[in-house]
Amino acid sequence: MNQMGFPILTTVTFLPLVGAVLLLFIPSNREELLKRVTLVISLVEFIISLPLFIYFDEGVAGMQFVERVPWIKEWGVTYFMGIDGISLFLVLLTTFLTVLCILSSWTAVEKRIKEYMISFLFLETGMIGAFVALDLILFYVFWEVMLIPMYLIIGAWGGPRRVYAAIKFFLYTMAGSVLMLVAIIALYFLHGEATGEYTFDLLKLYQVTLPIKTQCIMFGAFGLAFAIKVPMFPFHTWLPDAHVEAPTAGSVILAGILLKLGTYGFIRFAIPLFPAAAFKAIPIISILALIGIIYGALVSMMQDDLKKLVAFSSVSHLGFVMLGMFAFNVQGVQGSIYQMLNHGVSTGALFLIVGMIYERRHTRLIADFGGLSRVMPIFATFFMIVALSSIALPGTNGFVGEFLILLGTFKANPVYGVFGATGVVLAAAYMLWMFQRVMFGDIKHPENRGLKDLNLREIVTLAPIVIMVIWMGVFPKFFFKKMDLSVEHFLYDVKARYEAAVTASRAGEGEPSLAKGAGGSKVTIVVVEE
């Protein structure tokens, strides 16, 4: 279904790449022109992405704005794109944050401006492509494409240990990606043997339910790649290094978008492709998520570096996302998707704020601050709103997401819910303690007395985020109505195919059998072990 009759997803995906090519023809010494052209391209990209929301039909659960063209016919590879209520807002979040990242880089990046802007636009194409791809090979191409510009952004424009952090980020992600590629190829042949059709079409692959043991192996391969990207405990160790060494905009896009590709990967690929394995993995994933929530919060509390504190808080916040997702009920999954957006907005803003103060003082140590609210009242106001959002104060976006996640978790397993709730308390502890030490008290360091408050560009950068924090917190229905049907369809379909697989397995059927999927409209091919 493509209600616009126009390849809007292709346009949104590849416009930044076209912009990157355009920048090649601008001389490197025209730095101001390079920045302005990149900003215009990112703004146009955001504006063009808005019709996705406007024309999105909330009464349809399936894929919309679909584009499908044969790519490598003999291998069953298609150029297949589409979005539903789950991926819609992640695409919009990407285009939204990219504009703010370009604005935040205006004075923060001082060398090789041309290469930096090209890398950022190239990265945007990779991120959007991964969110809209519905062919596994196409998805894998975009998944790998993202690695290159992010590696360059960290390695070329990062801090003193940037090369180490960039290599660590690359190796961790590649390790998971290789396993996922092997699983994609295996799934291709398993589907071909069961149906006679060899394809990488995700919607067709959904229709095959593999033997439960095979599902567990395949889920492990896909799940590891996505768990590293999230990052889930204990695969999180690359994250603090990457965040601390990356330039401000790199940290924003890493936290705001790249980490969401891990959680999105679970909900789009790993769970619906291997539902029986996903249900078996509920205790493992939930316990690891709870460890991540509590561990991330406790480690954040102990940090003396502002950027490290925010980085470790991501481990905690994304633990909530995984906990809600594996509650497998409407409240948990909706809260999980909403929290993906919340984390992108709030934590992205925290990294922007840390970057702004670092530009002025060239230090991120909490001990070097104190009393900043006296000399930077506008900065303090923005910082306070974003900090309250991060700790899920009612009326902010964070509250809605965490409340739904805990509601869904308590419904699924009260014990998990109790442990998850401790993360909310700990988040308030480390965030408010940090805010108190940075913004209040006496001005101990003379350097802090002459700090300038936010300029117009910085206010324009942070203002849209504050608007989103309040809007998403006060009017969540505006967003939920677009994702309601997609979430319900996802849960119904996954549970139906899980039950079909279990039933067929118990019956000991050795041949593929047919079972109805969600809504009775799909045919699910169930393959069980002999």
Protein backbone atom coordinates (compact mmCIF):
# COMPACT_ATOMS: atom_id res chain seq x y z
CA MET A 1 0.00 0.00 0.00
CA ASN A 2 1.42 3.36 -1.09
CA GLN A 3 -1.21 6.02 -0.46
CA MET A 4 0.92 8.81 -1.94
CA GLY A 5 1.67 7.15 -5.27
CA PHE A 6 5.16 8.56 -4.97
CA PRO A 7 8.40 6.83 -3.88
CA ILE A 8 8.62 8.90 -0.70
CA LEU A 9 10.63 6.33 1.25
CA THR A 10 13.29 6.21 -1.47
CA THR A 11 13.35 10.01 -1.50
CA VAL A 12 13.67 10.29 2.28
CA THR A 13 16.32 7.56 2.37
CA PHE A 14 18.60 8.77 -0.39
CA LEU A 15 18.19 12.56 -0.29
CA PRO A 16 20.98 12.88 2.34
CA LEU A 17 23.25 10.78 0.10
CA VAL A 18 22.51 13.09 -2.83
CA GLY A 19 23.35 15.99 -0.53
CA ALA A 20 26.64 14.34 0.43
CA VAL A 21 27.53 14.05 -3.26
CA LEU A 22 26.66 17.73 -3.72
CA LEU A 23 29.08 18.68 -0.93
CA LEU A 24 31.91 17.05 -2.88
CA PHE A 25 31.75 19.92 -5.36
CA ILE A 26 32.10 22.64 -2.70
CA PRO A 27 35.72 23.63 -1.92
CA SER A 28 36.95 22.54 1.50
CA ASN A 29 37.93 26.08 2.46
CA ARG A 30 34.31 27.30 2.11
CA GLU A 31 33.48 26.07 5.61
CA GLU A 32 30.52 28.36 6.28
CA LEU A 33 28.93 27.43 2.95
CA LEU A 34 29.44 23.73 3.68
CA LYS A 35 27.65 24.08 7.02
CA ARG A 36 24.76 26.04 5.56
CA VAL A 37 24.23 23.68 2.64
CA THR A 38 24.27 20.68 4.98
CA LEU A 39 21.78 22.36 7.31
CA VAL A 40 19.46 23.15 4.39
CA ILE A 41 19.67 19.55 3.15
CA SER A 42 18.86 18.18 6.61
CA LEU A 43 15.95 20.63 7.00
CA VAL A 44 14.53 19.71 3.59
CA GLU A 45 14.92 16.05 4.54
CA PHE A 46 12.95 16.60 7.74
CA ILE A 47 10.20 18.51 5.93
CA ILE A 48 9.91 15.81 3.24
CA SER A 49 9.60 13.14 5.94
CA LEU A 50 6.59 14.84 7.59
CA PRO A 51 4.05 13.58 4.99
CA LEU A 52 4.83 10.09 6.27
CA PHE A 53 3.03 11.09 9.46
CA ILE A 54 0.35 13.18 7.77
CA TYR A 55 -0.67 10.52 5.25
CA PHE A 56 -0.12 7.52 7.49
CA ASP A 57 -3.41 5.62 7.80
CA GLU A 58 -3.89 4.74 11.47
CA GLY A 59 -6.67 2.33 10.49
CA VAL A 60 -4.21 0.02 8.71
CA ALA A 61 -2.02 -2.39 10.67
CA GLY A 62 0.23 -3.50 7.82
CA MET A 63 3.00 -1.85 5.86
CA GLN A 64 2.35 1.50 4.18
CA PHE A 65 4.14 3.62 1.54
CA VAL A 66 5.38 0.30 0.15
CA GLU A 67 7.92 0.29 -2.68
CA ARG A 68 8.89 -3.02 -4.25
CA VAL A 69 11.17 -3.49 -7.26
CA PRO A 70 13.07 -6.67 -8.26
CA TRP A 71 16.77 -6.20 -7.52
CA ILE A 72 18.67 -9.47 -8.00
CA LYS A 73 15.87 -11.68 -9.27
CA GLU A 74 17.83 -14.93 -9.49
CA TRP A 75 18.74 -14.69 -5.80
CA GLY A 76 15.33 -13.56 -4.61
CA VAL A 77 16.60 -10.12 -3.54
CA THR A 78 14.15 -7.23 -3.88
CA TYR A 79 14.30 -3.49 -3.30
CA PHE A 80 11.46 -3.64 -0.77
CA MET A 81 10.64 -0.74 1.54
CA GLY A 82 7.72 0.09 3.81
CA ILE A 83 6.82 1.39 7.25
CA ASP A 84 4.16 0.68 9.86
CA GLY A 85 3.26 2.30 13.17
CA ILE A 86 6.35 0.79 14.77
CA SER A 87 8.92 2.22 12.36
CA LEU A 88 7.13 5.49 11.45
CA PHE A 89 8.31 7.52 14.43
CA LEU A 90 11.84 6.12 14.33
CA VAL A 91 12.24 7.51 10.81
CA LEU A 92 10.87 10.89 11.91
CA LEU A 93 13.14 10.87 14.98
CA THR A 94 16.13 10.31 12.68
CA THR A 95 15.35 13.25 10.41
CA PHE A 96 14.53 15.45 13.42
CA LEU A 97 17.72 14.73 15.37
CA THR A 98 19.94 15.06 12.30
CA VAL A 99 18.96 18.72 11.94
CA LEU A 100 19.83 19.37 15.58
CA CYS A 101 23.13 17.51 15.22
CA ILE A 102 24.17 19.72 12.30
CA LEU A 103 23.27 22.83 14.32
CA SER A 104 25.21 21.58 17.34
CA SER A 105 28.31 20.97 15.17
CA TRP A 106 28.49 24.59 13.97
CA THR A 107 31.36 25.59 16.26
CA ALA A 108 32.13 22.26 17.94
CA VAL A 109 33.82 20.80 14.85
CA GLU A 110 36.78 22.86 13.68
CA LYS A 111 38.69 20.61 11.28
CA ARG A 112 37.82 18.80 8.04
CA ILE A 113 34.32 20.30 8.01
CA LYS A 114 33.57 19.00 4.51
CA GLU A 115 34.41 15.39 5.36
CA TYR A 116 32.46 15.63 8.62
CA MET A 117 29.27 16.87 6.95
CA ILE A 118 29.52 14.25 4.21
CA SER A 119 29.93 11.54 6.83
CA PHE A 120 26.86 12.74 8.73
CA LEU A 121 24.63 12.79 5.65
CA PHE A 122 25.92 9.39 4.59
CA LEU A 123 25.09 8.10 8.08
CA GLU A 124 21.55 9.46 7.86
CA THR A 125 20.92 7.48 4.68
CA GLY A 126 22.13 4.30 6.36
CA MET A 127 19.95 4.80 9.44
CA ILE A 128 16.73 5.57 7.58
CA GLY A 129 17.36 2.74 5.12
CA ALA A 130 17.68 0.26 7.98
CA PHE A 131 14.35 1.39 9.44
CA VAL A 132 12.40 1.08 6.18
CA ALA A 133 14.03 -1.99 4.55
CA LEU A 134 11.77 -5.05 4.30
CA ASP A 135 14.23 -7.27 2.45
CA LEU A 136 16.87 -8.89 4.66
CA ILE A 137 19.74 -8.26 2.24
CA LEU A 138 18.68 -4.65 1.77
CA PHE A 139 18.48 -4.27 5.55
CA TYR A 140 21.90 -5.83 6.00
CA VAL A 141 23.41 -3.46 3.42
CA PHE A 142 22.08 -0.41 5.28
CA TRP A 143 23.07 -1.96 8.63
CA GLU A 144 26.67 -2.23 7.47
CA VAL A 145 26.65 1.13 5.67
CA MET A 146 26.04 2.87 9.01
CA LEU A 147 29.26 1.48 10.46
CA ILE A 148 31.57 3.35 8.10
CA PRO A 149 30.52 6.99 8.74
CA MET A 150 30.06 6.38 12.48
CA TYR A 151 33.52 4.84 12.65
CA LEU A 152 34.92 7.92 10.90
CA ILE A 153 32.98 10.39 13.06
CA ILE A 154 34.35 8.83 16.25
CA GLY A 155 37.85 8.10 14.89
CA ALA A 156 38.51 11.41 13.12
CA TRP A 157 36.63 13.99 15.21
CA GLY A 158 36.58 12.35 18.63
CA GLY A 159 38.60 12.80 21.82
CA PRO A 160 42.12 11.69 22.77
CA ARG A 161 41.28 7.96 22.73
CA ARG A 162 39.13 8.23 19.62
CA VAL A 163 40.94 5.57 17.55
CA TYR A 164 40.63 2.98 20.32
CA ALA A 165 36.94 3.78 20.81
CA ALA A 166 36.22 3.70 17.05
CA ILE A 167 37.94 0.34 16.55
CA LYS A 168 36.16 -1.13 19.58
CA PHE A 169 32.80 0.09 18.29
CA PHE A 170 33.51 -1.33 14.84
CA LEU A 171 34.72 -4.74 16.06
CA TYR A 172 31.82 -5.28 18.47
CA THR A 173 29.22 -4.38 15.85
CA MET A 174 30.90 -6.41 13.12
CA ALA A 175 31.11 -9.50 15.32
CA GLY A 176 27.34 -9.50 15.77
CA SER A 177 26.72 -8.58 12.14
CA VAL A 178 28.63 -11.58 10.78
CA LEU A 179 26.54 -13.98 12.86
CA MET A 180 23.38 -12.26 11.67
CA LEU A 181 24.48 -12.62 8.03
CA VAL A 182 25.02 -16.35 8.51
CA ALA A 183 21.53 -16.62 10.01
CA ILE A 184 20.02 -14.62 7.13
CA ILE A 185 21.56 -16.99 4.59
CA ALA A 186 20.42 -20.03 6.60
CA LEU A 187 16.88 -18.63 6.78
CA TYR A 188 16.92 -18.08 3.01
CA PHE A 189 17.68 -21.76 2.36
CA LEU A 190 15.29 -23.05 5.03
CA HIS A 191 12.45 -21.05 3.52
CA GLY A 192 13.38 -22.25 0.05
CA GLU A 193 13.41 -25.89 1.10
CA ALA A 194 10.03 -25.54 2.84
CA THR A 195 8.21 -23.59 0.13
CA GLY A 196 10.21 -23.91 -3.07
CA GLU A 197 10.64 -20.13 -3.16
CA TYR A 198 14.04 -18.69 -2.31
CA THR A 199 13.58 -15.14 -1.10
CA PHE A 200 14.84 -12.53 1.35
CA ASP A 201 11.41 -10.86 1.48
CA LEU A 202 10.78 -10.30 5.19
CA LEU A 203 6.98 -10.57 4.98
CA LYS A 204 7.24 -13.92 3.21
CA LEU A 205 9.84 -15.16 5.68
CA TYR A 206 7.42 -14.31 8.49
CA GLN A 207 5.16 -17.03 7.16
CA VAL A 208 7.57 -19.86 7.91
CA THR A 209 7.74 -21.15 11.45
CA LEU A 210 10.88 -23.22 11.89
CA PRO A 211 11.49 -26.08 14.32
CA ILE A 212 11.80 -24.75 17.84
CA LYS A 213 15.45 -25.83 18.25
CA THR A 214 16.34 -24.18 14.94
CA GLN A 215 14.50 -21.05 16.00
CA CYS A 216 16.58 -20.87 19.19
CA ILE A 217 19.83 -21.00 17.21
CA MET A 218 18.65 -18.42 14.68
CA PHE A 219 17.23 -16.17 17.38
CA GLY A 220 20.59 -16.35 19.16
CA ALA A 221 22.42 -15.19 16.01
CA PHE A 222 20.05 -12.32 15.27
CA GLY A 223 19.63 -11.50 18.95
CA LEU A 224 23.37 -11.21 19.59
CA ALA A 225 23.78 -8.68 16.78
CA PHE A 226 20.90 -6.61 18.13
CA ALA A 227 21.90 -7.04 21.81
CA ILE A 228 25.35 -5.61 21.03
CA LYS A 229 23.73 -2.66 19.27
CA VAL A 230 21.21 -1.94 22.07
CA PRO A 231 23.57 -2.44 24.05
CA MET A 232 22.33 -5.00 26.58
CA PHE A 233 24.32 -6.13 29.57
CA PRO A 234 26.95 -7.67 29.28
CA PHE A 235 27.54 -6.46 25.68
CA HIS A 236 27.59 -2.80 26.69
CA THR A 237 31.31 -2.24 27.25
CA TRP A 238 31.89 -0.54 23.87
CA LEU A 239 29.28 2.13 24.61
CA PRO A 240 30.97 4.35 27.25
CA ASP A 241 34.19 4.55 25.21
CA ALA A 242 32.30 5.41 22.02
CA HIS A 243 30.15 8.06 23.73
CA VAL A 244 32.96 9.71 25.66
CA GLU A 245 35.31 9.93 22.68
CA ALA A 246 32.73 10.84 20.03
CA PRO A 247 32.07 14.51 19.21
CA THR A 248 28.84 15.89 20.65
CA ALA A 249 26.73 15.29 17.54
CA GLY A 250 28.18 11.79 17.24
CA SER A 251 27.06 11.00 20.80
CA VAL A 252 23.59 12.42 20.09
CA ILE A 253 23.04 10.34 16.98
CA LEU A 254 24.60 7.26 18.59
CA ALA A 255 22.28 7.45 21.60
CA GLY A 256 19.27 8.79 19.75
CA ILE A 257 19.21 6.54 16.70
CA LEU A 258 21.92 3.89 16.39
CA LEU A 259 21.10 2.21 19.70
CA LYS A 260 17.43 2.08 18.65
CA LEU A 261 18.39 -0.04 15.67
CA GLY A 262 19.17 -2.78 18.19
CA THR A 263 15.79 -2.60 19.92
CA TYR A 264 14.03 -2.14 16.56
CA GLY A 265 15.87 -5.20 15.25
CA PHE A 266 14.33 -7.33 17.98
CA ILE A 267 10.78 -6.14 17.34
CA ARG A 268 10.99 -6.19 13.52
CA PHE A 269 13.20 -9.24 12.89
CA ALA A 270 14.24 -11.48 15.78
CA ILE A 271 10.87 -11.82 17.56
CA PRO A 272 8.45 -12.19 14.61
CA LEU A 273 10.80 -14.45 12.64
CA PHE A 274 11.43 -16.78 15.59
CA PRO A 275 8.45 -16.38 17.96
CA ALA A 276 8.87 -19.69 19.77
CA ALA A 277 12.49 -18.89 20.59
CA ALA A 278 11.50 -15.37 21.65
CA PHE A 279 8.98 -16.72 24.17
CA LYS A 280 11.55 -19.17 25.49
CA ALA A 281 14.02 -16.30 25.88
CA ILE A 282 11.68 -14.17 28.02
CA PRO A 283 13.38 -15.03 31.37
CA ILE A 284 16.90 -14.56 29.97
CA ILE A 285 16.18 -11.26 28.22
CA SER A 286 14.13 -9.91 31.14
CA ILE A 287 16.81 -10.73 33.72
CA LEU A 288 19.57 -9.22 31.55
CA ALA A 289 17.37 -6.14 31.04
CA LEU A 290 16.85 -5.80 34.81
CA ILE A 291 20.58 -6.16 35.44
CA GLY A 292 21.19 -3.47 32.84
CA ILE A 293 18.62 -1.15 34.45
CA ILE A 294 20.07 -1.43 37.95
CA TYR A 295 23.74 -1.77 36.97
CA GLY A 296 23.56 1.17 34.54
CA ALA A 297 21.93 3.36 37.20
CA LEU A 298 24.45 2.44 39.93
CA VAL A 299 27.45 2.97 37.65
CA SER A 300 26.00 6.31 36.51
CA MET A 301 25.78 7.38 40.14
CA MET A 302 29.51 6.77 40.59
CA GLN A 303 30.70 8.76 37.58
CA ASP A 304 32.67 11.97 37.92
CA ASP A 305 32.48 12.72 34.16
CA LEU A 306 29.20 14.19 32.86
CA LYS A 307 29.39 12.41 29.51
CA LYS A 308 30.15 9.04 31.09
CA LEU A 309 27.19 9.48 33.42
CA VAL A 310 24.84 10.10 30.50
CA ALA A 311 26.41 7.19 28.57
CA PHE A 312 25.83 4.68 31.36
CA SER A 313 22.31 6.02 31.87
CA SER A 314 21.59 4.76 28.32
CA VAL A 315 22.33 1.21 29.45
CA SER A 316 19.71 1.66 32.16
CA HIS A 317 17.07 3.34 29.98
CA LEU A 318 17.39 0.81 27.17
CA GLY A 319 17.04 -1.97 29.72
CA PHE A 320 13.51 -0.62 30.25
CA VAL A 321 12.88 -0.80 26.50
CA MET A 322 13.86 -4.48 26.39
CA LEU A 323 11.91 -5.29 29.57
CA GLY A 324 8.71 -3.83 28.15
CA MET A 325 9.18 -5.48 24.78
CA PHE A 326 9.49 -8.95 26.28
CA ALA A 327 6.43 -8.48 28.47
CA PHE A 328 4.54 -9.38 25.27
CA ASN A 329 1.44 -7.36 26.05
CA VAL A 330 0.08 -4.15 24.53
CA GLN A 331 1.12 -1.89 27.41
CA GLY A 332 4.66 -3.27 27.52
CA VAL A 333 5.30 -3.14 23.78
CA GLN A 334 3.73 0.31 23.32
CA GLY A 335 5.73 1.60 26.26
CA SER A 336 8.87 0.05 24.79
CA ILE A 337 8.40 1.78 21.42
CA TYR A 338 7.52 5.07 23.11
CA GLN A 339 10.56 4.81 25.34
CA MET A 340 12.77 4.35 22.27
CA LEU A 341 11.55 7.77 21.12
CA ASN A 342 11.82 9.27 24.61
CA HIS A 343 15.39 8.12 25.02
CA GLY A 344 16.33 9.57 21.66
CA VAL A 345 14.84 12.94 22.61
CA SER A 346 15.91 13.20 26.26
CA THR A 347 19.33 11.55 26.19
CA GLY A 348 20.13 13.24 22.89
CA ALA A 349 19.38 16.55 24.61
CA LEU A 350 21.58 15.63 27.58
CA PHE A 351 24.53 15.02 25.25
CA LEU A 352 23.85 18.35 23.53
CA ILE A 353 23.85 20.09 26.91
CA VAL A 354 27.08 18.41 27.98
CA GLY A 355 28.63 19.42 24.65
CA MET A 356 27.58 23.06 25.11
CA ILE A 357 29.17 23.33 28.55
CA TYR A 358 32.28 21.49 27.33
CA GLU A 359 32.76 24.06 24.55
CA ARG A 360 32.88 26.76 27.19
CA ARG A 361 34.99 25.08 29.88
CA HIS A 362 36.79 22.26 28.02
CA THR A 363 36.13 19.92 30.91
CA ARG A 364 33.36 17.45 31.70
CA LEU A 365 34.29 16.74 35.32
CA ILE A 366 31.39 17.38 37.69
CA ALA A 367 33.81 18.65 40.32
CA ASP A 368 34.85 21.50 38.00
CA PHE A 369 31.38 23.00 38.04
CA GLY A 370 28.94 24.28 40.65
CA GLY A 371 26.68 27.32 40.81
CA LEU A 372 26.22 27.52 37.04
CA SER A 373 22.55 28.45 37.40
CA ARG A 374 23.67 31.89 38.63
CA VAL A 375 25.63 32.73 35.50
CA MET A 376 23.73 30.62 32.94
CA PRO A 377 20.00 30.78 33.86
CA ILE A 378 18.73 29.89 30.36
CA PHE A 379 21.09 26.91 30.21
CA ALA A 380 19.93 25.86 33.69
CA THR A 381 16.28 25.97 32.63
CA PHE A 382 16.81 23.74 29.60
CA PHE A 383 19.02 21.41 31.62
CA MET A 384 16.40 21.10 34.37
CA ILE A 385 13.56 20.23 31.96
CA VAL A 386 15.63 17.60 30.17
CA ALA A 387 16.89 16.11 33.47
CA LEU A 388 13.32 15.84 34.77
CA SER A 389 12.32 14.17 31.52
CA SER A 390 15.15 11.66 31.93
CA ILE A 391 13.94 10.70 35.42
CA ALA A 392 10.36 10.29 34.14
CA LEU A 393 8.64 13.14 35.96
CA PRO A 394 4.86 13.09 35.31
CA GLY A 395 4.03 15.55 32.55
CA THR A 396 7.17 14.71 30.59
CA ASN A 397 7.68 12.14 27.84
CA GLY A 398 9.77 9.82 30.02
CA PHE A 399 6.92 9.23 32.45
CA VAL A 400 4.54 7.89 29.81
CA GLY A 401 7.02 5.36 28.45
CA GLU A 402 8.27 4.05 31.78
CA PHE A 403 4.76 3.93 33.28
CA LEU A 404 3.48 1.77 30.41
CA ILE A 405 6.56 -0.48 30.55
CA LEU A 406 6.14 -1.05 34.28
CA LEU A 407 2.39 -1.57 33.83
CA GLY A 408 3.02 -4.21 31.18
CA THR A 409 5.82 -5.81 33.20
CA PHE A 410 3.75 -6.05 36.38
CA LYS A 411 0.97 -7.61 34.30
CA ALA A 412 3.36 -10.21 32.87
CA ASN A 413 5.55 -10.83 35.94
CA PRO A 414 5.16 -8.81 39.16
CA VAL A 415 8.64 -9.77 40.38
CA TYR A 416 10.26 -8.28 37.27
CA GLY A 417 8.07 -5.21 37.75
CA VAL A 418 9.31 -4.65 41.31
CA PHE A 419 12.97 -4.84 40.29
CA GLY A 420 12.31 -2.64 37.26
CA ALA A 421 10.71 0.03 39.46
CA THR A 422 13.94 0.35 41.45
CA GLY A 423 15.56 1.69 38.28
CA VAL A 424 13.17 4.66 38.34
CA VAL A 425 14.23 5.52 41.91
CA LEU A 426 17.93 5.15 41.11
CA ALA A 427 17.57 7.31 37.98
CA ALA A 428 16.15 10.12 40.08
CA ALA A 429 19.04 9.72 42.53
CA TYR A 430 21.93 9.94 40.06
CA MET A 431 20.39 12.56 37.78
CA LEU A 432 19.25 14.98 40.49
CA TRP A 433 22.49 14.57 42.45
CA MET A 434 24.47 15.40 39.30
CA PHE A 435 22.22 18.38 38.52
CA GLN A 436 22.59 19.72 42.07
CA ARG A 437 26.39 19.53 41.96
CA VAL A 438 26.65 21.18 38.55
CA MET A 439 24.00 23.89 38.76
CA PHE A 440 23.71 24.88 42.43
CA GLY A 441 25.95 25.74 45.37
CA ASP A 442 28.86 28.14 45.37
CA ILE A 443 30.87 29.03 42.27
CA LYS A 444 34.14 27.40 43.33
CA HIS A 445 36.13 27.88 40.13
CA PRO A 446 36.86 31.42 38.89
CA GLU A 447 36.54 30.22 35.27
CA ASN A 448 32.84 29.59 35.84
CA ARG A 449 32.04 33.19 36.77
CA GLY A 450 32.49 34.54 33.27
CA LEU A 451 30.68 31.79 31.36
CA LYS A 452 28.29 33.03 28.69
CA ASP A 453 24.74 31.80 28.64
CA LEU A 454 23.26 30.03 25.61
CA ASN A 455 23.35 31.92 22.32
CA LEU A 456 20.51 32.02 19.79
CA ARG A 457 21.78 28.99 17.82
CA GLU A 458 21.99 26.87 20.97
CA ILE A 459 18.51 27.95 22.10
CA VAL A 460 17.12 27.06 18.66
CA THR A 461 18.83 23.67 18.97
CA LEU A 462 17.35 22.83 22.38
CA ALA A 463 13.91 24.47 22.09
CA PRO A 464 12.40 21.83 19.73
CA ILE A 465 13.51 19.09 22.12
CA VAL A 466 11.84 20.76 25.10
CA ILE A 467 8.67 21.15 23.05
CA MET A 468 8.77 17.42 22.25
CA VAL A 469 9.39 16.54 25.92
CA ILE A 470 6.21 18.36 26.99
CA TRP A 471 4.13 17.41 23.95
CA MET A 472 4.91 13.70 24.25
CA GLY A 473 4.30 13.83 27.99
CA VAL A 474 0.96 15.67 27.91
CA PHE A 475 -0.53 14.40 24.62
CA PRO A 476 0.75 10.82 24.16
CA LYS A 477 -2.43 9.77 22.34
CA PHE A 478 -1.30 11.87 19.39
CA PHE A 479 1.52 9.36 18.92
CA PHE A 480 -0.13 6.17 20.17
CA LYS A 481 -3.02 6.35 17.73
CA LYS A 482 -0.58 5.84 14.85
CA MET A 483 1.01 2.76 16.41
CA ASP A 484 -1.96 1.08 18.15
CA LEU A 485 -3.01 -1.26 15.34
CA SER A 486 0.54 -2.16 14.36
CA VAL A 487 1.37 -3.16 17.94
CA GLU A 488 -1.82 -5.20 18.31
CA HIS A 489 -1.17 -6.93 14.99
CA PHE A 490 2.42 -7.65 15.98
CA LEU A 491 1.39 -9.27 19.27
CA TYR A 492 -1.51 -11.23 17.79
CA ASP A 493 0.56 -12.54 14.90
CA VAL A 494 3.56 -13.51 17.03
CA LYS A 495 1.42 -15.32 19.61
CA ALA A 496 -0.64 -17.10 16.93
CA ARG A 497 2.46 -18.43 15.18
CA TYR A 498 4.07 -19.37 18.48
CA GLU A 499 1.02 -21.43 19.41
CA ALA A 500 0.94 -23.01 15.95
CA ALA A 501 4.59 -24.02 16.25
CA VAL A 502 4.10 -25.51 19.71
CA THR A 503 0.97 -27.40 18.64
CA ALA A 504 2.66 -28.81 15.56
CA SER A 505 5.74 -29.76 17.56
CA ARG A 506 3.68 -31.67 20.10
CA ALA A 507 1.86 -33.45 17.29
CA GLY A 508 5.23 -34.62 15.97
CA GLU A 509 4.44 -33.69 12.39
CA GLY A 510 7.33 -34.39 10.03
CA GLU A 511 5.95 -32.52 7.02
CA PRO A 512 5.17 -28.84 6.64
CA SER A 513 1.61 -28.06 7.66
CA LEU A 514 -0.54 -24.99 7.18
CA ALA A 515 -1.88 -22.77 9.91
CA LYS A 516 -3.64 -19.42 9.89
CA GLY A 517 -1.74 -16.37 11.07
CA ALA A 518 -2.97 -13.06 12.37
CA GLY A 519 -6.53 -12.23 11.50
CA GLY A 520 -6.87 -15.50 9.61
CA SER A 521 -5.61 -13.77 6.49
CA LYS A 522 -2.09 -15.14 6.32
CA VAL A 523 -0.93 -18.67 5.74
CA THR A 524 1.82 -19.76 8.09
CA ILE A 525 3.93 -22.72 7.03
CA VAL A 526 4.88 -24.67 10.11
CA VAL A 527 7.95 -26.86 9.89
CA VAL A 528 8.58 -29.11 12.88
CA GLU A 529 11.27 -31.61 13.73
CA GLU A 530 10.68 -35.24 12.94
